[in-house]
Protein backbone atom coordinates (compact mmCIF):
# COMPACT_ATOMS: atom_id res chain seq x y z
CA MET A 1 -71.02 -15.70 -0.52
CA ARG A 2 -67.97 -17.29 1.15
CA SER A 3 -65.37 -14.70 2.06
CA ARG A 4 -62.44 -16.91 1.03
CA ALA A 5 -61.58 -14.62 -1.92
CA ILE A 6 -63.27 -12.21 -4.26
CA ALA A 7 -62.10 -13.38 -7.66
CA ALA A 8 -63.41 -10.47 -9.65
CA ALA A 9 -65.64 -7.46 -9.51
CA GLY A 10 -67.98 -6.66 -12.35
CA VAL A 11 -69.36 -3.15 -12.48
CA ALA A 12 -73.13 -2.79 -12.67
CA LEU A 13 -75.14 -0.65 -15.03
CA GLY A 14 -73.00 -1.15 -18.11
CA LEU A 15 -69.57 -0.23 -16.75
CA PHE A 16 -66.60 -2.52 -17.25
CA ALA A 17 -65.09 -4.89 -14.72
CA PRO A 18 -61.68 -4.13 -13.22
CA PRO A 19 -58.89 -6.71 -13.61
CA LEU A 20 -59.22 -10.04 -11.84
CA ALA A 21 -57.78 -10.56 -8.40
CA ALA A 22 -54.23 -11.46 -9.26
CA GLN A 23 -53.39 -15.08 -9.97
CA GLU A 24 -49.76 -14.08 -10.32
CA LYS A 25 -48.27 -17.57 -10.16
CA PRO A 26 -48.99 -19.97 -13.04
CA ILE A 27 -50.78 -23.22 -12.16
CA ALA A 28 -50.15 -26.40 -14.11
CA PHE A 29 -52.72 -29.18 -13.82
CA VAL A 30 -50.73 -32.25 -14.85
CA GLY A 31 -51.65 -35.84 -15.65
CA ALA A 32 -55.44 -35.58 -15.84
CA ARG A 33 -57.67 -37.03 -18.50
CA VAL A 34 -58.44 -33.69 -20.15
CA ILE A 35 -61.70 -33.09 -22.02
CA PRO A 36 -61.05 -29.80 -23.85
CA VAL A 37 -64.34 -29.99 -25.88
CA ALA A 38 -62.68 -28.01 -28.69
CA GLY A 39 -60.69 -31.11 -29.63
CA PRO A 40 -60.22 -34.79 -28.80
CA GLU A 41 -59.74 -35.97 -25.23
CA ILE A 42 -56.16 -36.08 -23.94
CA PRO A 43 -55.51 -39.21 -21.81
CA LYS A 44 -52.63 -37.61 -19.90
CA GLY A 45 -52.93 -33.90 -20.37
CA VAL A 46 -51.65 -30.61 -19.06
CA VAL A 47 -53.68 -27.45 -18.58
CA LEU A 48 -51.65 -24.36 -17.77
CA VAL A 49 -53.44 -21.29 -16.43
CA HIS A 50 -52.15 -17.86 -15.49
CA LYS A 51 -53.81 -14.58 -14.52
CA GLY A 52 -57.28 -15.99 -15.03
CA LYS A 53 -56.69 -17.34 -18.53
CA VAL A 54 -55.83 -20.66 -20.14
CA VAL A 55 -52.25 -20.42 -21.37
CA ALA A 56 -51.84 -23.87 -22.89
CA VAL A 57 -53.57 -27.24 -23.24
CA GLY A 58 -51.87 -30.39 -24.48
CA ALA A 59 -50.40 -33.79 -23.79
CA GLU A 60 -47.70 -34.24 -21.18
CA GLY A 61 -44.37 -33.28 -22.70
CA SER A 62 -45.93 -30.94 -25.25
CA VAL A 63 -46.60 -28.05 -22.87
CA SER A 64 -43.77 -25.94 -21.51
CA ILE A 65 -44.36 -25.42 -17.79
CA PRO A 66 -42.67 -22.36 -16.25
CA GLY A 67 -40.25 -23.04 -13.43
CA ASP A 68 -42.24 -20.94 -10.96
CA ALA A 69 -45.55 -22.68 -11.72
CA THR A 70 -47.49 -24.50 -9.04
CA ARG A 71 -47.90 -28.10 -10.18
CA ARG A 72 -51.09 -29.96 -9.38
CA ASP A 73 -50.92 -33.74 -9.78
CA MET A 74 -54.19 -34.72 -11.45
CA LYS A 75 -53.42 -38.39 -12.04
CA GLY A 76 -56.67 -40.39 -12.04
CA LYS A 77 -58.79 -37.25 -12.31
CA VAL A 78 -60.82 -35.80 -15.16
CA LEU A 79 -60.50 -32.11 -16.06
CA MET A 80 -63.02 -30.34 -18.28
CA PRO A 81 -64.32 -26.80 -18.89
CA GLY A 82 -66.66 -25.17 -16.40
CA LEU A 83 -70.27 -26.07 -17.11
CA VAL A 84 -72.64 -23.51 -18.65
CA ASP A 85 -76.27 -23.43 -17.48
CA THR A 86 -78.41 -21.54 -19.98
CA HIS A 87 -81.53 -21.32 -17.81
CA SER A 88 -81.53 -20.95 -14.04
CA HIS A 89 -83.31 -19.11 -11.25
CA ILE A 90 -80.61 -19.26 -8.59
CA GLY A 91 -80.31 -16.19 -6.41
CA GLY A 92 -84.06 -16.08 -5.76
CA VAL A 93 -84.46 -13.88 -8.82
CA GLN A 94 -87.77 -12.14 -9.48
CA GLY A 95 -88.93 -10.32 -12.58
CA ALA A 96 -92.12 -8.70 -13.79
CA ASP A 97 -95.16 -8.30 -11.52
CA SER A 98 -98.88 -8.81 -12.16
CA SER A 99 -99.53 -5.32 -13.50
CA ALA A 100 -99.03 -6.21 -17.18
CA PRO A 101 -98.09 -9.17 -19.39
CA ILE A 102 -95.24 -7.33 -21.14
CA GLN A 103 -92.47 -5.73 -19.07
CA PRO A 104 -89.16 -5.85 -20.97
CA ASP A 105 -87.71 -3.00 -18.90
CA VAL A 106 -87.49 -5.19 -15.78
CA ARG A 107 -83.92 -6.36 -15.02
CA ALA A 108 -82.89 -9.55 -13.24
CA ILE A 109 -79.75 -7.89 -11.86
CA ASP A 110 -81.95 -5.77 -9.61
CA ALA A 111 -83.39 -8.84 -7.88
CA ILE A 112 -80.64 -11.43 -7.34
CA ASN A 113 -79.57 -12.43 -3.83
CA VAL A 114 -75.90 -13.42 -4.15
CA ALA A 115 -75.98 -14.91 -0.64
CA ASP A 116 -78.48 -17.53 -1.83
CA SER A 117 -77.03 -20.97 -1.09
CA ALA A 118 -78.23 -22.16 -4.52
CA ILE A 119 -75.31 -20.24 -6.01
CA GLN A 120 -72.81 -22.26 -3.99
CA LYS A 121 -74.64 -25.48 -4.83
CA ALA A 122 -74.18 -24.57 -8.49
CA GLN A 123 -70.46 -24.07 -7.85
CA ALA A 124 -70.45 -27.51 -6.20
CA ALA A 125 -71.91 -28.88 -9.45
CA GLY A 126 -69.08 -27.47 -11.56
CA ILE A 127 -71.27 -24.73 -13.05
CA THR A 128 -69.22 -21.61 -13.70
CA THR A 129 -71.40 -19.56 -16.08
CA VAL A 130 -75.15 -19.20 -15.74
CA ASN A 131 -78.08 -17.38 -17.34
CA VAL A 132 -80.28 -16.22 -14.46
CA MET A 133 -83.79 -15.47 -15.71
CA PRO A 134 -87.08 -14.11 -14.42
CA GLY A 135 -90.02 -16.51 -14.45
CA SER A 136 -92.23 -17.40 -17.42
CA GLY A 137 -95.56 -16.03 -16.24
CA HIS A 138 -95.37 -13.13 -18.72
CA LEU A 139 -95.05 -12.79 -22.47
CA LEU A 140 -92.02 -10.59 -21.79
CA SER A 141 -90.86 -10.82 -18.18
CA GLY A 142 -87.62 -8.90 -18.39
CA GLN A 143 -83.89 -8.88 -18.99
CA THR A 144 -81.84 -11.90 -17.92
CA ALA A 145 -78.37 -11.73 -16.34
CA TYR A 146 -75.34 -13.73 -17.42
CA LEU A 147 -73.21 -14.43 -14.36
CA LYS A 148 -69.82 -15.90 -13.61
CA LEU A 149 -70.04 -17.81 -10.34
CA ARG A 150 -67.06 -16.07 -8.80
CA GLU A 151 -66.72 -15.39 -5.09
CA GLY A 152 -68.39 -12.13 -4.22
CA LYS A 153 -70.70 -10.41 -1.79
CA THR A 154 -72.56 -8.24 -4.32
CA ILE A 155 -74.12 -8.78 -7.72
CA ASP A 156 -71.45 -6.49 -9.17
CA ALA A 157 -68.81 -9.16 -8.45
CA LEU A 158 -70.68 -11.83 -10.40
CA LEU A 159 -71.87 -9.89 -13.44
CA LEU A 160 -70.35 -11.02 -16.70
CA THR A 161 -69.24 -8.09 -18.83
CA THR A 162 -67.96 -7.75 -22.38
CA GLU A 163 -66.95 -4.76 -24.47
CA ARG A 164 -70.68 -3.92 -24.68
CA GLY A 165 -71.04 -3.85 -20.90
CA VAL A 166 -73.19 -6.08 -18.68
CA THR A 167 -74.46 -9.13 -20.54
CA GLY A 168 -77.92 -10.68 -20.60
CA GLY A 169 -80.82 -11.75 -22.77
CA MET A 170 -84.57 -11.12 -22.90
CA LYS A 171 -86.99 -13.58 -21.33
CA MET A 172 -90.06 -14.34 -23.43
CA ALA A 173 -92.76 -16.99 -23.03
CA ASN A 174 -95.88 -18.46 -24.54
CA GLY A 175 -98.20 -21.35 -23.76
CA THR A 176 -100.21 -21.69 -20.56
CA ASN A 177 -98.00 -19.77 -18.11
CA SER A 178 -98.87 -16.31 -19.44
CA ARG A 179 -102.58 -16.97 -20.01
CA ARG A 180 -104.83 -15.63 -17.26
CA GLN A 181 -107.36 -12.91 -16.54
CA PRO A 182 -107.00 -9.46 -18.21
CA PRO A 183 -104.77 -7.56 -18.69
CA PHE A 184 -103.09 -10.88 -19.49
CA PRO A 185 -104.08 -12.77 -22.66
CA GLY A 186 -106.67 -15.52 -22.51
CA THR A 187 -105.68 -17.43 -25.65
CA ARG A 188 -102.58 -18.43 -27.56
CA ALA A 189 -103.57 -16.25 -30.50
CA LYS A 190 -103.96 -13.18 -28.31
CA SER A 191 -100.60 -13.91 -26.70
CA ALA A 192 -98.87 -13.81 -30.08
CA SER A 193 -100.71 -10.67 -31.17
CA LEU A 194 -99.66 -8.75 -28.06
CA VAL A 195 -96.02 -9.65 -28.65
CA ARG A 196 -96.23 -8.65 -32.31
CA GLU A 197 -97.74 -5.33 -31.31
CA GLN A 198 -94.81 -4.57 -29.00
CA TYR A 199 -92.18 -5.42 -31.58
CA VAL A 200 -93.91 -3.22 -34.16
CA LYS A 201 -93.72 -0.38 -31.63
CA ALA A 202 -90.05 -1.18 -31.09
CA GLN A 203 -89.42 -1.01 -34.85
CA GLU A 204 -91.07 2.42 -34.94
CA TYR A 205 -89.07 3.59 -31.92
CA ARG A 206 -85.84 2.43 -33.58
CA LYS A 207 -86.73 4.37 -36.74
CA LYS A 208 -87.38 7.53 -34.73
CA LEU A 209 -83.97 7.16 -33.09
CA ALA A 210 -82.32 6.71 -36.48
CA ASP A 211 -84.15 9.74 -37.91
CA ALA A 212 -83.00 11.82 -34.95
CA ALA A 213 -79.33 10.97 -35.47
CA ALA A 214 -78.80 14.15 -37.47
CA ASP A 215 -81.18 16.22 -35.37
CA PRO A 216 -81.35 15.30 -31.64
CA LYS A 217 -84.40 17.53 -31.22
CA LYS A 218 -86.42 14.92 -33.12
CA ALA A 219 -85.53 12.14 -30.67
CA PRO A 220 -88.52 10.47 -28.97
CA ALA A 221 -88.92 10.52 -25.21
CA ARG A 222 -86.79 7.85 -23.59
CA ASP A 223 -88.67 4.55 -23.25
CA LEU A 224 -86.87 1.85 -21.24
CA ALA A 225 -89.11 -0.95 -22.51
CA MET A 226 -88.59 0.04 -26.14
CA GLU A 227 -84.84 0.43 -25.62
CA ALA A 228 -84.65 -3.17 -24.43
CA LEU A 229 -86.69 -4.48 -27.37
CA VAL A 230 -84.57 -2.51 -29.84
CA GLU A 231 -81.55 -4.34 -28.42
CA VAL A 232 -83.36 -7.60 -29.22
CA LEU A 233 -84.20 -6.42 -32.75
CA GLU A 234 -80.58 -5.46 -33.36
CA GLY A 235 -79.22 -8.77 -32.09
CA ARG A 236 -77.47 -7.25 -29.11
CA ARG A 237 -79.74 -9.15 -26.75
CA ILE A 238 -80.83 -12.75 -27.46
CA ALA A 239 -84.46 -13.69 -26.77
CA HIS A 240 -84.73 -16.68 -24.43
CA PHE A 241 -88.16 -18.03 -25.31
CA HIS A 242 -89.94 -20.36 -22.86
CA THR A 243 -92.00 -22.67 -25.06
CA HIS A 244 -93.17 -26.28 -24.69
CA ARG A 245 -95.88 -27.52 -27.06
CA HIS A 246 -95.17 -28.09 -30.76
CA ASP A 247 -97.56 -25.34 -31.89
CA ASP A 248 -96.09 -22.88 -29.37
CA ILE A 249 -92.59 -23.70 -30.63
CA LEU A 250 -93.67 -22.89 -34.18
CA THR A 251 -95.22 -19.61 -32.99
CA ALA A 252 -91.91 -18.67 -31.36
CA LEU A 253 -90.13 -19.44 -34.63
CA ARG A 254 -92.69 -17.42 -36.58
CA LEU A 255 -92.22 -14.37 -34.36
CA SER A 256 -88.43 -14.54 -34.50
CA GLU A 257 -88.47 -14.82 -38.28
CA GLU A 258 -91.00 -12.00 -38.74
CA PHE A 259 -88.99 -9.54 -36.65
CA GLY A 260 -85.54 -10.94 -37.32
CA PHE A 261 -84.46 -11.44 -33.74
CA ARG A 262 -82.18 -14.24 -32.57
CA VAL A 263 -83.77 -16.76 -30.26
CA VAL A 264 -82.87 -19.55 -27.88
CA LEU A 265 -85.80 -21.94 -27.51
CA GLN A 266 -86.09 -22.80 -23.83
CA HIS A 267 -87.46 -26.20 -22.73
CA VAL A 268 -89.02 -27.21 -26.09
CA SER A 269 -90.70 -30.29 -24.59
CA ASP A 270 -92.05 -31.24 -28.03
CA ALA A 271 -88.75 -30.66 -29.84
CA TRP A 272 -88.80 -34.20 -31.22
CA LYS A 273 -92.06 -33.39 -33.04
CA VAL A 274 -90.75 -30.30 -34.86
CA ALA A 275 -86.99 -30.89 -34.94
CA PRO A 276 -86.70 -30.28 -38.73
CA GLN A 277 -88.47 -26.92 -38.42
CA ILE A 278 -86.17 -25.91 -35.58
CA ALA A 279 -83.12 -26.91 -37.62
CA ALA A 280 -84.35 -24.97 -40.65
CA SER A 281 -84.78 -21.66 -38.81
CA LYS A 282 -81.97 -19.18 -39.36
CA GLN A 283 -82.96 -17.25 -36.23
CA VAL A 284 -82.47 -20.08 -33.73
CA VAL A 285 -79.16 -19.84 -31.89
CA GLY A 286 -79.95 -23.12 -30.15
CA SER A 287 -82.46 -25.08 -28.12
CA SER A 288 -81.95 -25.14 -24.37
CA ILE A 289 -83.49 -28.41 -23.22
CA ILE A 290 -84.12 -30.03 -19.87
CA VAL A 291 -84.10 -33.76 -19.15
CA ILE A 292 -86.06 -34.72 -16.07
CA ASP A 293 -86.82 -38.22 -14.83
CA ALA A 294 -90.08 -37.20 -13.15
CA PRO A 295 -91.90 -34.94 -15.65
CA GLY A 296 -95.25 -33.35 -14.93
CA GLY A 297 -96.82 -30.16 -13.72
CA LYS A 298 -98.66 -28.98 -16.82
CA LEU A 299 -100.51 -30.54 -19.72
CA GLU A 300 -98.35 -28.89 -22.38
CA THR A 301 -95.36 -30.95 -21.19
CA ALA A 302 -97.25 -34.26 -21.47
CA ASP A 303 -95.19 -35.39 -24.46
CA VAL A 304 -91.75 -34.31 -23.21
CA ALA A 305 -89.20 -36.94 -24.19
CA MET A 306 -85.73 -37.89 -23.05
CA THR A 307 -84.98 -38.39 -26.75
CA ASN A 308 -85.15 -34.64 -27.46
CA GLY A 309 -81.37 -34.33 -27.51
CA ALA A 310 -80.98 -37.25 -29.90
CA ALA A 311 -83.75 -35.90 -32.15
CA LEU A 312 -82.08 -32.48 -32.39
CA GLU A 313 -78.66 -34.03 -32.96
CA LYS A 314 -80.07 -36.16 -35.79
CA VAL A 315 -81.23 -33.09 -37.76
CA GLY A 316 -78.13 -31.04 -36.96
CA ALA A 317 -79.89 -28.50 -34.73
CA PRO A 318 -77.66 -26.98 -32.02
CA PHE A 319 -78.78 -27.53 -28.43
CA GLY A 320 -77.60 -27.53 -24.84
CA PHE A 321 -78.92 -28.51 -21.44
CA HIS A 322 -80.23 -26.39 -18.59
CA THR A 323 -81.41 -26.97 -15.03
CA ASP A 324 -84.21 -24.43 -14.60
CA ASP A 325 -82.97 -24.64 -11.00
CA GLY A 326 -84.84 -25.55 -8.88
CA ILE A 327 -86.84 -27.72 -11.35
CA VAL A 328 -83.60 -29.70 -11.56
CA ASP A 329 -81.15 -28.99 -8.76
CA SER A 330 -77.90 -27.64 -10.21
CA ARG A 331 -76.03 -30.52 -8.59
CA PHE A 332 -77.79 -32.95 -10.97
CA PHE A 333 -76.85 -31.05 -14.14
CA ARG A 334 -74.47 -33.71 -15.46
CA ARG A 335 -77.11 -36.37 -14.90
CA GLU A 336 -79.30 -34.75 -17.56
CA ALA A 337 -76.64 -35.43 -20.16
CA ALA A 338 -76.18 -38.98 -18.90
CA LEU A 339 -79.91 -39.67 -19.25
CA ALA A 340 -79.85 -38.22 -22.76
CA ILE A 341 -76.96 -40.54 -23.68
CA ARG A 342 -79.04 -43.50 -22.50
CA ASN A 343 -81.73 -42.27 -24.87
CA GLY A 344 -79.66 -42.07 -28.03
CA LEU A 345 -77.51 -38.93 -27.72
CA SER A 346 -73.85 -39.27 -28.67
CA ARG A 347 -71.28 -38.83 -25.94
CA GLY A 348 -69.49 -36.04 -27.78
CA LYS A 349 -72.66 -34.01 -28.17
CA ALA A 350 -73.51 -34.58 -24.51
CA VAL A 351 -70.21 -33.05 -23.41
CA GLU A 352 -70.68 -30.12 -25.78
CA ALA A 353 -74.27 -29.61 -24.60
CA LEU A 354 -73.03 -29.02 -21.04
CA THR A 355 -70.35 -26.56 -22.07
CA LEU A 356 -69.64 -24.99 -25.48
CA ALA A 357 -73.20 -25.20 -26.83
CA GLY A 358 -74.44 -23.20 -23.86
CA ALA A 359 -71.66 -20.66 -24.28
CA LYS A 360 -72.75 -20.11 -27.87
CA MET A 361 -76.34 -19.55 -26.76
CA LEU A 362 -75.12 -16.76 -24.48
CA ASP A 363 -72.78 -15.21 -27.07
CA LEU A 364 -69.85 -16.14 -24.82
CA SER A 365 -68.07 -18.87 -26.79
CA SER A 366 -65.00 -16.67 -27.25
CA ARG A 367 -64.49 -16.76 -23.49
CA VAL A 368 -66.00 -19.93 -22.02
CA GLY A 369 -67.21 -23.40 -22.91
CA SER A 370 -63.93 -25.08 -23.87
CA LEU A 371 -60.34 -25.33 -22.73
CA GLU A 372 -58.42 -23.30 -25.29
CA LYS A 373 -55.55 -20.84 -25.15
CA GLY A 374 -56.77 -17.36 -24.30
CA LYS A 375 -60.12 -18.40 -22.85
CA ASP A 376 -61.14 -17.84 -19.23
CA ALA A 377 -59.61 -20.36 -16.85
CA ASP A 378 -62.96 -21.88 -15.85
CA LEU A 379 -62.56 -25.57 -15.17
CA VAL A 380 -63.92 -28.53 -13.23
CA ILE A 381 -61.92 -31.34 -11.65
CA LEU A 382 -63.88 -34.60 -11.43
CA SER A 383 -63.15 -37.84 -9.61
CA GLY A 384 -64.06 -39.88 -12.69
CA ASP A 385 -66.05 -39.98 -15.89
CA PRO A 386 -68.44 -37.00 -16.11
CA PHE A 387 -71.44 -39.25 -16.86
CA SER A 388 -70.92 -41.80 -14.10
CA VAL A 389 -73.29 -41.73 -11.14
CA TYR A 390 -70.27 -42.40 -8.93
CA THR A 391 -68.35 -39.32 -10.04
CA ASN A 392 -68.06 -36.26 -7.80
CA VAL A 393 -66.98 -32.72 -8.53
CA LEU A 394 -63.77 -32.29 -6.55
CA GLU A 395 -62.94 -28.68 -7.41
CA THR A 396 -64.43 -25.83 -9.41
CA TRP A 397 -62.30 -22.94 -10.68
CA VAL A 398 -63.48 -19.63 -12.12
CA GLU A 399 -60.97 -17.41 -13.91
CA GLY A 400 -58.04 -19.10 -12.20
CA GLN A 401 -59.58 -18.92 -8.71
CA LYS A 402 -60.85 -21.94 -6.80
CA VAL A 403 -64.48 -21.41 -5.78
CA PHE A 404 -65.32 -24.95 -4.63
CA ASP A 405 -63.22 -27.62 -2.92
CA ARG A 406 -64.97 -30.81 -1.86
CA SER A 407 -62.20 -31.55 0.65
CA ASP A 408 -63.18 -28.39 2.56
CA PRO A 409 -66.00 -29.29 5.00
CA LYS A 410 -67.66 -25.92 4.42
CA ASP A 411 -67.83 -26.55 0.68
CA ARG A 412 -68.71 -30.23 1.03
CA LEU A 413 -71.85 -29.20 2.90
CA TYR A 414 -73.22 -27.58 -0.26
CA ALA A 415 -72.39 -30.64 -2.33
CA VAL A 416 -73.95 -33.31 -0.12
CA GLY A 417 -76.50 -31.39 1.95
CA GLY A 418 -77.12 -31.27 5.67
CA PHE A 419 -78.06 -28.73 8.29
CA GLY A 420 -77.29 -25.22 7.03
CA ALA A 421 -76.80 -26.17 3.39
CA SER A 422 -79.79 -24.07 2.37
CA HIS A 423 -79.06 -21.08 4.59
CA ASP A 424 -77.92 -17.84 3.00
CA SER A 425 -74.16 -18.27 2.71
CA GLN A 426 -73.23 -14.96 4.35
CA GLY A 427 -74.70 -16.38 7.53
CA LEU A 428 -72.25 -19.28 7.35
CA HIS A 429 -68.83 -17.70 6.95
CA LEU A 430 -68.61 -14.16 8.14
CA HIS A 431 -64.84 -13.88 8.51
CA GLU A 432 -62.10 -15.33 6.38
CA GLY A 433 -60.20 -18.19 7.98
CA GLU A 434 -62.53 -18.60 10.91
CA ASP A 435 -64.84 -21.54 11.56
CA GLU A 436 -68.16 -20.22 12.79
CA GLU A 437 -71.37 -21.85 13.84
CA ILE A 438 -74.13 -21.81 11.32
CA SER A 439 -76.42 -18.87 11.94
CA ARG A 440 -79.71 -20.06 13.44
């Protein structure tokens, strides 16, 4: 990615990230219309950040600004939390291969190209946290990766870590994508039975591990696939379940309730048909929906509706938006919410669905998704209302570090397009502070 600054370095394979690159001087964003999400909008607000964290949020005059703080005049601008995309394929990620329909041991972090220009286009959209997932051609296609879109040249720099280590979910799917010639299933019923079989094995594997706690000699041979599914069973890894048709959605609910795993329903094209059932499930963390103005591609999405958000809001079911980039280019993420508002969704829920709702679906709401004291200083500066077609993202900040600036011609290229905008970014800027020709 751009070599302007490396904001942070995650450590792969479960280790913890070192401290952020120092943001030693406080920054006060003053005078913006602030949308904190966690509370009402502030017409003339102040957001104070220091060392990668939000220090204070409030109206002008209510926030004490240190004398050494850098003041940014945000008059006429809108400031809101960094956007959270709960389903993306940026980085050219690949997952399981054609050898089997169930491969939970596959990891997205082993197949993400951080020089992919789609990552910088996501930054240009104001997206700061993203769930990068393998495709949906398998019943279980592998472990997803939760990333912070920091500056960095390796996947280690972008990995999002918590006290449990590197974060991510488990990609699952049903419907037409995973139905093909053997060894893949040929019917919906067979698809469900194969998944049930694997979770039964995972339950047995977990019991063997528990029985061996007092006597390590009784421990089963290490099984990477079973280890990953045990994490799902124990709630340490959320299942992100690609599902479209109403009957497939109910199958996903049935599986999650039988085995007690938490699930995010991805796409749910027919959500409006089964919204009460989704709301009633105790296993659903949320529905991650997509709003596209040119639907198509498969018969099971024939009844997809722009009213899905409104239907889920009506029954009190939590939901957020996603891009499935490149089904919807990351730069059009906010437009999804705007289209949903035109189709009955409340404005407040639309804002939440771009931010805090997604954070909850990734188990990251204690860190991202709203502007609150102690949370990561991930924020977006907009030229106007977030749902206006005339509004542009002016700046994107991740953990107190600016990662996109529309006034910089190099960054503007990713926002508006043009020659080189889809080239791997490391071919664009090889040395900090130097303007170089685009690699041809």
